[in-house]
Amino acid sequence: MSRSAAKPERRPEEAAPGPLWRRLLRYPRSDRERWRFALFLGLTLALVFFVVREIYGPGGYLVWRQQRSEYRARQRRVLELERQGEAREKWNERLRQGDPAAIERVARDQRMARPNETVYTLPDQDKPAHPPAAENANPK
């Protein structure tokens, strides 16, 4: 026999590989192979379902990530409020101890003045001094 011996004949179902879906549908030939294929397909679908559910479902990864960012924002806000509270406690302590600079600061904030002192109050920068004149105030 030589190497170029005649090739064995192909069965008609093995003639061409065909598209993937045909090969997958034709794949399980025996009962055992069908059960194996059904088990594989079922487990694959279940895995895809659970992965999608864990990412997009209620309590999934995206929800967890949003909650984590909200939690961190609230932690930052709590720290900021604690710092403000500590600063106010220090300020109140200075006022209780009679610190002259602190007392004068409170008095100036309340627009108080010492004897023979004149206080000039300027208008706010945000508000105009006079409202703009209405257009066509005197229609003729």
N, C-alpha and C. Protein backbone atom coordinates (compact mmCIF):
# COMPACT_ATOMS: atom_id res chain seq x y z
N MET A 1 0.83 -1.18 0.00
CA MET A 1 0.00 0.00 0.00
C MET A 1 0.88 1.25 0.00
N SER A 2 0.46 2.16 -0.71
CA SER A 2 1.21 3.41 -0.79
C SER A 2 0.51 4.49 0.03
N ARG A 3 1.21 5.55 0.19
CA ARG A 3 0.66 6.66 0.97
C ARG A 3 -0.53 7.31 0.30
N SER A 4 -0.57 7.29 -0.96
CA SER A 4 -1.66 7.94 -1.68
C SER A 4 -2.82 6.98 -1.89
N ALA A 5 -3.07 6.16 -0.92
CA ALA A 5 -4.17 5.21 -1.02
C ALA A 5 -5.48 5.97 -1.03
N ALA A 6 -6.49 5.35 -1.49
CA ALA A 6 -7.80 6.00 -1.59
C ALA A 6 -8.32 6.34 -0.21
N LYS A 7 -8.88 7.53 -0.11
CA LYS A 7 -9.44 7.98 1.16
C LYS A 7 -10.75 7.26 1.41
N PRO A 8 -11.06 7.01 2.70
CA PRO A 8 -12.34 6.36 2.97
C PRO A 8 -13.49 7.29 2.60
N GLU A 9 -14.60 6.72 2.22
CA GLU A 9 -15.74 7.53 1.82
C GLU A 9 -16.34 8.23 3.03
N ARG A 10 -16.81 9.44 2.79
CA ARG A 10 -17.47 10.19 3.85
C ARG A 10 -18.95 9.89 3.84
N ARG A 11 -19.52 9.91 5.03
CA ARG A 11 -20.96 9.75 5.11
C ARG A 11 -21.61 11.05 4.66
N PRO A 12 -22.84 11.00 4.22
CA PRO A 12 -23.49 12.24 3.74
C PRO A 12 -23.61 13.30 4.84
N GLU A 13 -23.85 12.90 6.11
CA GLU A 13 -24.00 13.90 7.17
C GLU A 13 -22.66 14.56 7.52
N GLU A 14 -21.55 13.93 7.15
CA GLU A 14 -20.24 14.50 7.44
C GLU A 14 -19.65 15.19 6.22
N ALA A 15 -20.43 15.38 5.19
CA ALA A 15 -19.92 15.91 3.93
C ALA A 15 -19.32 17.31 4.10
N ALA A 16 -20.00 18.19 4.76
CA ALA A 16 -19.48 19.56 4.95
C ALA A 16 -19.68 19.94 6.41
N PRO A 17 -18.73 20.69 6.97
CA PRO A 17 -18.88 21.05 8.38
C PRO A 17 -20.13 21.86 8.64
N GLY A 18 -20.49 22.80 7.79
CA GLY A 18 -21.71 23.59 7.96
C GLY A 18 -21.56 24.64 9.05
N PRO A 19 -22.61 25.42 9.25
CA PRO A 19 -22.56 26.47 10.28
C PRO A 19 -22.52 25.87 11.68
N LEU A 20 -22.11 26.68 12.62
CA LEU A 20 -21.93 26.22 13.99
C LEU A 20 -23.23 25.69 14.59
N TRP A 21 -24.32 26.40 14.36
CA TRP A 21 -25.57 25.96 14.98
C TRP A 21 -26.00 24.58 14.49
N ARG A 22 -25.70 24.27 13.22
CA ARG A 22 -26.03 22.93 12.73
C ARG A 22 -25.15 21.89 13.37
N ARG A 23 -23.88 22.21 13.52
CA ARG A 23 -22.98 21.26 14.16
C ARG A 23 -23.37 21.03 15.62
N LEU A 24 -23.80 22.10 16.30
CA LEU A 24 -24.21 21.94 17.70
C LEU A 24 -25.48 21.11 17.81
N LEU A 25 -26.42 21.33 16.91
CA LEU A 25 -27.65 20.55 16.96
C LEU A 25 -27.43 19.10 16.54
N ARG A 26 -26.46 18.87 15.69
CA ARG A 26 -26.18 17.53 15.22
C ARG A 26 -25.23 16.80 16.16
N TYR A 27 -24.58 17.55 17.07
CA TYR A 27 -23.52 16.98 17.90
C TYR A 27 -23.94 15.77 18.70
N PRO A 28 -24.93 15.87 19.59
CA PRO A 28 -25.21 14.71 20.45
C PRO A 28 -25.85 13.58 19.65
N ARG A 29 -25.13 12.50 19.54
CA ARG A 29 -25.63 11.37 18.75
C ARG A 29 -26.22 10.27 19.64
N SER A 30 -25.60 10.04 20.77
CA SER A 30 -26.11 8.99 21.66
C SER A 30 -26.84 9.65 22.82
N ASP A 31 -27.58 8.83 23.58
CA ASP A 31 -28.31 9.36 24.73
C ASP A 31 -27.36 9.99 25.75
N ARG A 32 -26.24 9.36 25.97
CA ARG A 32 -25.27 9.89 26.94
C ARG A 32 -24.73 11.25 26.48
N GLU A 33 -24.43 11.37 25.20
CA GLU A 33 -23.94 12.64 24.67
C GLU A 33 -25.02 13.71 24.73
N ARG A 34 -26.27 13.32 24.52
CA ARG A 34 -27.36 14.29 24.62
C ARG A 34 -27.50 14.80 26.05
N TRP A 35 -27.43 13.91 27.03
CA TRP A 35 -27.51 14.33 28.43
C TRP A 35 -26.34 15.23 28.80
N ARG A 36 -25.16 14.87 28.32
CA ARG A 36 -23.98 15.69 28.60
C ARG A 36 -24.11 17.08 27.98
N PHE A 37 -24.61 17.10 26.75
CA PHE A 37 -24.79 18.38 26.06
C PHE A 37 -25.85 19.21 26.77
N ALA A 38 -26.96 18.60 27.18
CA ALA A 38 -28.03 19.32 27.89
C ALA A 38 -27.52 19.84 29.23
N LEU A 39 -26.74 19.04 29.95
CA LEU A 39 -26.17 19.49 31.22
C LEU A 39 -25.22 20.66 31.01
N PHE A 40 -24.36 20.55 30.02
CA PHE A 40 -23.42 21.64 29.72
C PHE A 40 -24.17 22.91 29.34
N LEU A 41 -25.17 22.79 28.49
CA LEU A 41 -25.95 23.95 28.07
C LEU A 41 -26.70 24.56 29.25
N GLY A 42 -27.30 23.73 30.08
CA GLY A 42 -28.03 24.22 31.26
C GLY A 42 -27.11 24.93 32.23
N LEU A 43 -25.95 24.34 32.51
CA LEU A 43 -25.01 24.98 33.44
C LEU A 43 -24.47 26.29 32.87
N THR A 44 -24.23 26.32 31.57
CA THR A 44 -23.74 27.55 30.94
C THR A 44 -24.79 28.66 31.04
N LEU A 45 -26.05 28.32 30.74
CA LEU A 45 -27.11 29.32 30.85
C LEU A 45 -27.31 29.78 32.29
N ALA A 46 -27.23 28.85 33.24
CA ALA A 46 -27.37 29.23 34.64
C ALA A 46 -26.23 30.16 35.06
N LEU A 47 -25.02 29.85 34.63
CA LEU A 47 -23.87 30.70 34.95
C LEU A 47 -24.05 32.10 34.38
N VAL A 48 -24.48 32.19 33.14
CA VAL A 48 -24.70 33.50 32.52
C VAL A 48 -25.79 34.25 33.28
N PHE A 49 -26.87 33.57 33.63
CA PHE A 49 -27.96 34.20 34.37
C PHE A 49 -27.46 34.76 35.70
N PHE A 50 -26.73 33.96 36.46
CA PHE A 50 -26.28 34.41 37.78
C PHE A 50 -25.23 35.52 37.68
N VAL A 51 -24.39 35.48 36.68
CA VAL A 51 -23.41 36.56 36.52
C VAL A 51 -24.11 37.87 36.18
N VAL A 52 -25.06 37.83 35.27
CA VAL A 52 -25.81 39.04 34.91
C VAL A 52 -26.59 39.54 36.11
N ARG A 53 -27.18 38.62 36.86
CA ARG A 53 -27.95 39.02 38.05
C ARG A 53 -27.06 39.66 39.11
N GLU A 54 -25.85 39.13 39.30
CA GLU A 54 -24.93 39.68 40.29
C GLU A 54 -24.40 41.05 39.89
N ILE A 55 -24.36 41.32 38.61
CA ILE A 55 -23.88 42.63 38.17
C ILE A 55 -25.01 43.65 38.14
N TYR A 56 -26.13 43.30 37.50
CA TYR A 56 -27.19 44.27 37.26
C TYR A 56 -28.39 44.14 38.18
N GLY A 57 -28.50 43.07 38.93
CA GLY A 57 -29.69 42.83 39.74
C GLY A 57 -29.74 43.69 40.99
N PRO A 58 -30.83 43.55 41.76
CA PRO A 58 -30.94 44.30 43.01
C PRO A 58 -29.87 43.80 43.98
N GLY A 59 -29.13 44.71 44.54
CA GLY A 59 -28.04 44.33 45.43
C GLY A 59 -26.83 43.84 44.67
N GLY A 60 -26.78 44.07 43.37
CA GLY A 60 -25.66 43.62 42.56
C GLY A 60 -24.48 44.57 42.64
N TYR A 61 -23.52 44.33 41.78
CA TYR A 61 -22.27 45.09 41.80
C TYR A 61 -22.50 46.58 41.56
N LEU A 62 -23.35 46.91 40.59
CA LEU A 62 -23.57 48.32 40.29
C LEU A 62 -24.25 49.05 41.45
N VAL A 63 -25.20 48.39 42.09
CA VAL A 63 -25.86 48.97 43.27
C VAL A 63 -24.86 49.12 44.40
N TRP A 64 -24.04 48.10 44.60
CA TRP A 64 -23.03 48.14 45.66
C TRP A 64 -22.05 49.29 45.43
N ARG A 65 -21.64 49.48 44.18
CA ARG A 65 -20.70 50.56 43.87
C ARG A 65 -21.31 51.92 44.14
N GLN A 66 -22.59 52.11 43.81
CA GLN A 66 -23.29 53.37 44.08
C GLN A 66 -23.40 53.60 45.59
N GLN A 67 -23.76 52.56 46.33
CA GLN A 67 -23.89 52.70 47.78
C GLN A 67 -22.54 53.01 48.42
N ARG A 68 -21.48 52.40 47.89
CA ARG A 68 -20.15 52.67 48.43
C ARG A 68 -19.75 54.13 48.22
N SER A 69 -20.05 54.69 47.05
CA SER A 69 -19.71 56.09 46.81
C SER A 69 -20.55 57.01 47.70
N GLU A 70 -21.83 56.67 47.91
CA GLU A 70 -22.66 57.46 48.82
C GLU A 70 -22.13 57.38 50.25
N TYR A 71 -21.72 56.20 50.66
CA TYR A 71 -21.18 56.01 52.01
C TYR A 71 -19.92 56.85 52.21
N ARG A 72 -19.04 56.84 51.21
CA ARG A 72 -17.81 57.63 51.33
C ARG A 72 -18.11 59.12 51.36
N ALA A 73 -19.09 59.57 50.57
CA ALA A 73 -19.48 60.98 50.59
C ALA A 73 -20.03 61.36 51.96
N ARG A 74 -20.83 60.48 52.54
CA ARG A 74 -21.37 60.77 53.88
C ARG A 74 -20.28 60.76 54.94
N GLN A 75 -19.30 59.87 54.80
CA GLN A 75 -18.17 59.88 55.74
C GLN A 75 -17.42 61.20 55.67
N ARG A 76 -17.17 61.69 54.45
CA ARG A 76 -16.50 62.97 54.30
C ARG A 76 -17.31 64.09 54.94
N ARG A 77 -18.63 64.06 54.75
CA ARG A 77 -19.51 65.09 55.33
C ARG A 77 -19.47 65.03 56.86
N VAL A 78 -19.48 63.83 57.41
CA VAL A 78 -19.41 63.68 58.87
C VAL A 78 -18.10 64.24 59.41
N LEU A 79 -16.99 63.94 58.74
CA LEU A 79 -15.70 64.48 59.17
C LEU A 79 -15.68 66.00 59.10
N GLU A 80 -16.26 66.55 58.03
CA GLU A 80 -16.32 68.01 57.89
C GLU A 80 -17.14 68.62 59.01
N LEU A 81 -18.29 68.02 59.33
CA LEU A 81 -19.13 68.54 60.41
C LEU A 81 -18.44 68.41 61.77
N GLU A 82 -17.70 67.32 61.97
CA GLU A 82 -16.96 67.17 63.23
C GLU A 82 -15.90 68.26 63.37
N ARG A 83 -15.19 68.57 62.26
CA ARG A 83 -14.19 69.64 62.31
C ARG A 83 -14.84 70.99 62.61
N GLN A 84 -16.00 71.24 61.99
CA GLN A 84 -16.71 72.50 62.26
C GLN A 84 -17.15 72.57 63.72
N GLY A 85 -17.63 71.44 64.25
CA GLY A 85 -18.04 71.41 65.66
C GLY A 85 -16.87 71.68 66.60
N GLU A 86 -15.71 71.08 66.29
CA GLU A 86 -14.53 71.32 67.13
C GLU A 86 -14.11 72.79 67.06
N ALA A 87 -14.16 73.38 65.87
CA ALA A 87 -13.79 74.80 65.73
C ALA A 87 -14.75 75.68 66.52
N ARG A 88 -16.03 75.36 66.48
CA ARG A 88 -17.00 76.15 67.24
C ARG A 88 -16.82 75.97 68.75
N GLU A 89 -16.46 74.75 69.17
CA GLU A 89 -16.20 74.54 70.59
C GLU A 89 -15.00 75.38 71.05
N LYS A 90 -13.95 75.43 70.23
CA LYS A 90 -12.79 76.26 70.56
C LYS A 90 -13.18 77.73 70.62
N TRP A 91 -14.00 78.16 69.66
CA TRP A 91 -14.44 79.56 69.65
C TRP A 91 -15.27 79.88 70.89
N ASN A 92 -16.19 78.99 71.25
CA ASN A 92 -17.00 79.20 72.47
C ASN A 92 -16.13 79.23 73.71
N GLU A 93 -15.11 78.38 73.75
CA GLU A 93 -14.20 78.37 74.90
C GLU A 93 -13.44 79.69 75.01
N ARG A 94 -13.03 80.23 73.85
CA ARG A 94 -12.34 81.52 73.86
C ARG A 94 -13.28 82.61 74.39
N LEU A 95 -14.56 82.57 73.98
CA LEU A 95 -15.53 83.56 74.47
C LEU A 95 -15.78 83.40 75.96
N ARG A 96 -15.87 82.17 76.46
CA ARG A 96 -16.09 81.93 77.90
C ARG A 96 -14.91 82.43 78.72
N GLN A 97 -13.71 82.30 78.18
CA GLN A 97 -12.52 82.72 78.92
C GLN A 97 -12.33 84.23 78.85
N GLY A 98 -13.10 84.92 78.03
CA GLY A 98 -13.02 86.38 77.97
C GLY A 98 -11.92 86.88 77.05
N ASP A 99 -11.61 86.17 76.02
CA ASP A 99 -10.58 86.62 75.06
C ASP A 99 -11.06 87.91 74.40
N PRO A 100 -10.32 89.01 74.56
CA PRO A 100 -10.78 90.30 74.02
C PRO A 100 -10.92 90.30 72.50
N ALA A 101 -10.05 89.62 71.79
CA ALA A 101 -10.14 89.59 70.33
C ALA A 101 -11.41 88.87 69.89
N ALA A 102 -11.76 87.79 70.55
CA ALA A 102 -12.96 87.04 70.20
C ALA A 102 -14.21 87.86 70.51
N ILE A 103 -14.21 88.52 71.65
CA ILE A 103 -15.38 89.34 72.03
C ILE A 103 -15.55 90.49 71.04
N GLU A 104 -14.45 91.14 70.65
CA GLU A 104 -14.55 92.24 69.71
C GLU A 104 -15.03 91.75 68.35
N ARG A 105 -14.59 90.59 67.95
CA ARG A 105 -15.02 90.03 66.67
C ARG A 105 -16.53 89.82 66.65
N VAL A 106 -17.09 89.28 67.73
CA VAL A 106 -18.54 89.07 67.81
C VAL A 106 -19.25 90.41 67.78
N ALA A 107 -18.73 91.39 68.51
CA ALA A 107 -19.36 92.71 68.54
C ALA A 107 -19.34 93.35 67.15
N ARG A 108 -18.22 93.24 66.42
CA ARG A 108 -18.13 93.82 65.07
C ARG A 108 -19.08 93.11 64.11
N ASP A 109 -19.22 91.81 64.26
CA ASP A 109 -20.16 91.08 63.40
C ASP A 109 -21.60 91.53 63.63
N GLN A 110 -21.90 92.00 64.84
CA GLN A 110 -23.25 92.48 65.15
C GLN A 110 -23.38 93.98 64.91
N ARG A 111 -22.41 94.56 64.23
CA ARG A 111 -22.38 95.97 63.85
C ARG A 111 -22.36 96.91 65.06
N MET A 112 -21.68 96.51 66.10
CA MET A 112 -21.51 97.37 67.27
C MET A 112 -20.24 98.19 67.09
N ALA A 113 -20.20 99.33 67.76
CA ALA A 113 -19.04 100.21 67.64
C ALA A 113 -18.65 100.71 69.03
N ARG A 114 -17.40 101.10 69.13
CA ARG A 114 -16.92 101.71 70.38
C ARG A 114 -17.41 103.16 70.44
N PRO A 115 -17.34 103.76 71.61
CA PRO A 115 -17.74 105.18 71.69
C PRO A 115 -16.85 106.03 70.75
N ASN A 116 -17.47 106.99 70.10
CA ASN A 116 -16.82 107.93 69.17
C ASN A 116 -16.30 107.20 67.92
N GLU A 117 -16.90 106.11 67.55
CA GLU A 117 -16.52 105.37 66.36
C GLU A 117 -17.70 105.40 65.38
N THR A 118 -17.41 105.53 64.09
CA THR A 118 -18.46 105.54 63.07
C THR A 118 -18.35 104.25 62.27
N VAL A 119 -19.47 103.59 62.05
CA VAL A 119 -19.49 102.35 61.29
C VAL A 119 -20.12 102.64 59.94
N TYR A 120 -19.40 102.31 58.88
CA TYR A 120 -19.90 102.47 57.52
C TYR A 120 -20.27 101.08 57.00
N THR A 121 -21.49 100.98 56.51
CA THR A 121 -21.95 99.71 55.97
C THR A 121 -22.13 99.86 54.47
N LEU A 122 -21.46 99.00 53.72
CA LEU A 122 -21.54 99.04 52.26
C LEU A 122 -22.60 98.05 51.79
N PRO A 123 -23.25 98.33 50.66
CA PRO A 123 -24.26 97.39 50.17
C PRO A 123 -23.58 96.11 49.69
N ASP A 124 -24.36 95.03 49.66
CA ASP A 124 -23.84 93.75 49.19
C ASP A 124 -23.47 93.85 47.72
N GLN A 125 -22.45 93.10 47.33
CA GLN A 125 -22.00 93.12 45.94
C GLN A 125 -23.02 92.41 45.04
N ASP A 126 -23.75 91.43 45.56
CA ASP A 126 -24.68 90.65 44.76
C ASP A 126 -25.94 91.43 44.40
N LYS A 127 -26.37 92.31 45.31
CA LYS A 127 -27.62 93.04 45.11
C LYS A 127 -27.31 94.44 44.56
N PRO A 128 -28.04 94.88 43.55
CA PRO A 128 -27.82 96.23 43.06
C PRO A 128 -28.35 97.25 44.08
N ALA A 129 -27.73 98.44 44.12
CA ALA A 129 -28.13 99.46 45.07
C ALA A 129 -29.55 99.95 44.78
N HIS A 130 -29.85 100.14 43.50
CA HIS A 130 -31.18 100.59 43.11
C HIS A 130 -31.72 99.59 42.10
N PRO A 131 -32.99 99.25 42.20
CA PRO A 131 -33.54 98.33 41.21
C PRO A 131 -33.52 98.98 39.83
N PRO A 132 -33.33 98.22 38.78
CA PRO A 132 -33.30 98.81 37.44
C PRO A 132 -34.65 99.42 37.10
N ALA A 133 -34.59 100.52 36.37
CA ALA A 133 -35.83 101.22 35.99
C ALA A 133 -36.63 100.32 35.05
N ALA A 134 -37.91 100.28 35.29
CA ALA A 134 -38.79 99.46 34.45
C ALA A 134 -38.88 100.09 33.07
N GLU A 135 -38.82 99.24 32.07
CA GLU A 135 -38.92 99.75 30.70
C GLU A 135 -40.35 100.23 30.44
N ASN A 136 -40.42 101.26 29.71
CA ASN A 136 -41.74 101.87 29.36
C ASN A 136 -42.53 102.21 30.62
N ALA A 137 -41.86 102.88 31.57
CA ALA A 137 -42.52 103.24 32.82
C ALA A 137 -43.66 104.23 32.57
N ASN A 138 -43.46 105.15 31.66
CA ASN A 138 -44.51 106.13 31.33
C ASN A 138 -44.88 105.97 29.87
N PRO A 139 -45.76 105.05 29.56
CA PRO A 139 -46.15 104.89 28.14
C PRO A 139 -46.96 106.07 27.66
N LYS A 140 -46.72 106.54 26.47
CA LYS A 140 -47.44 107.69 25.94
C LYS A 140 -48.35 107.28 24.83
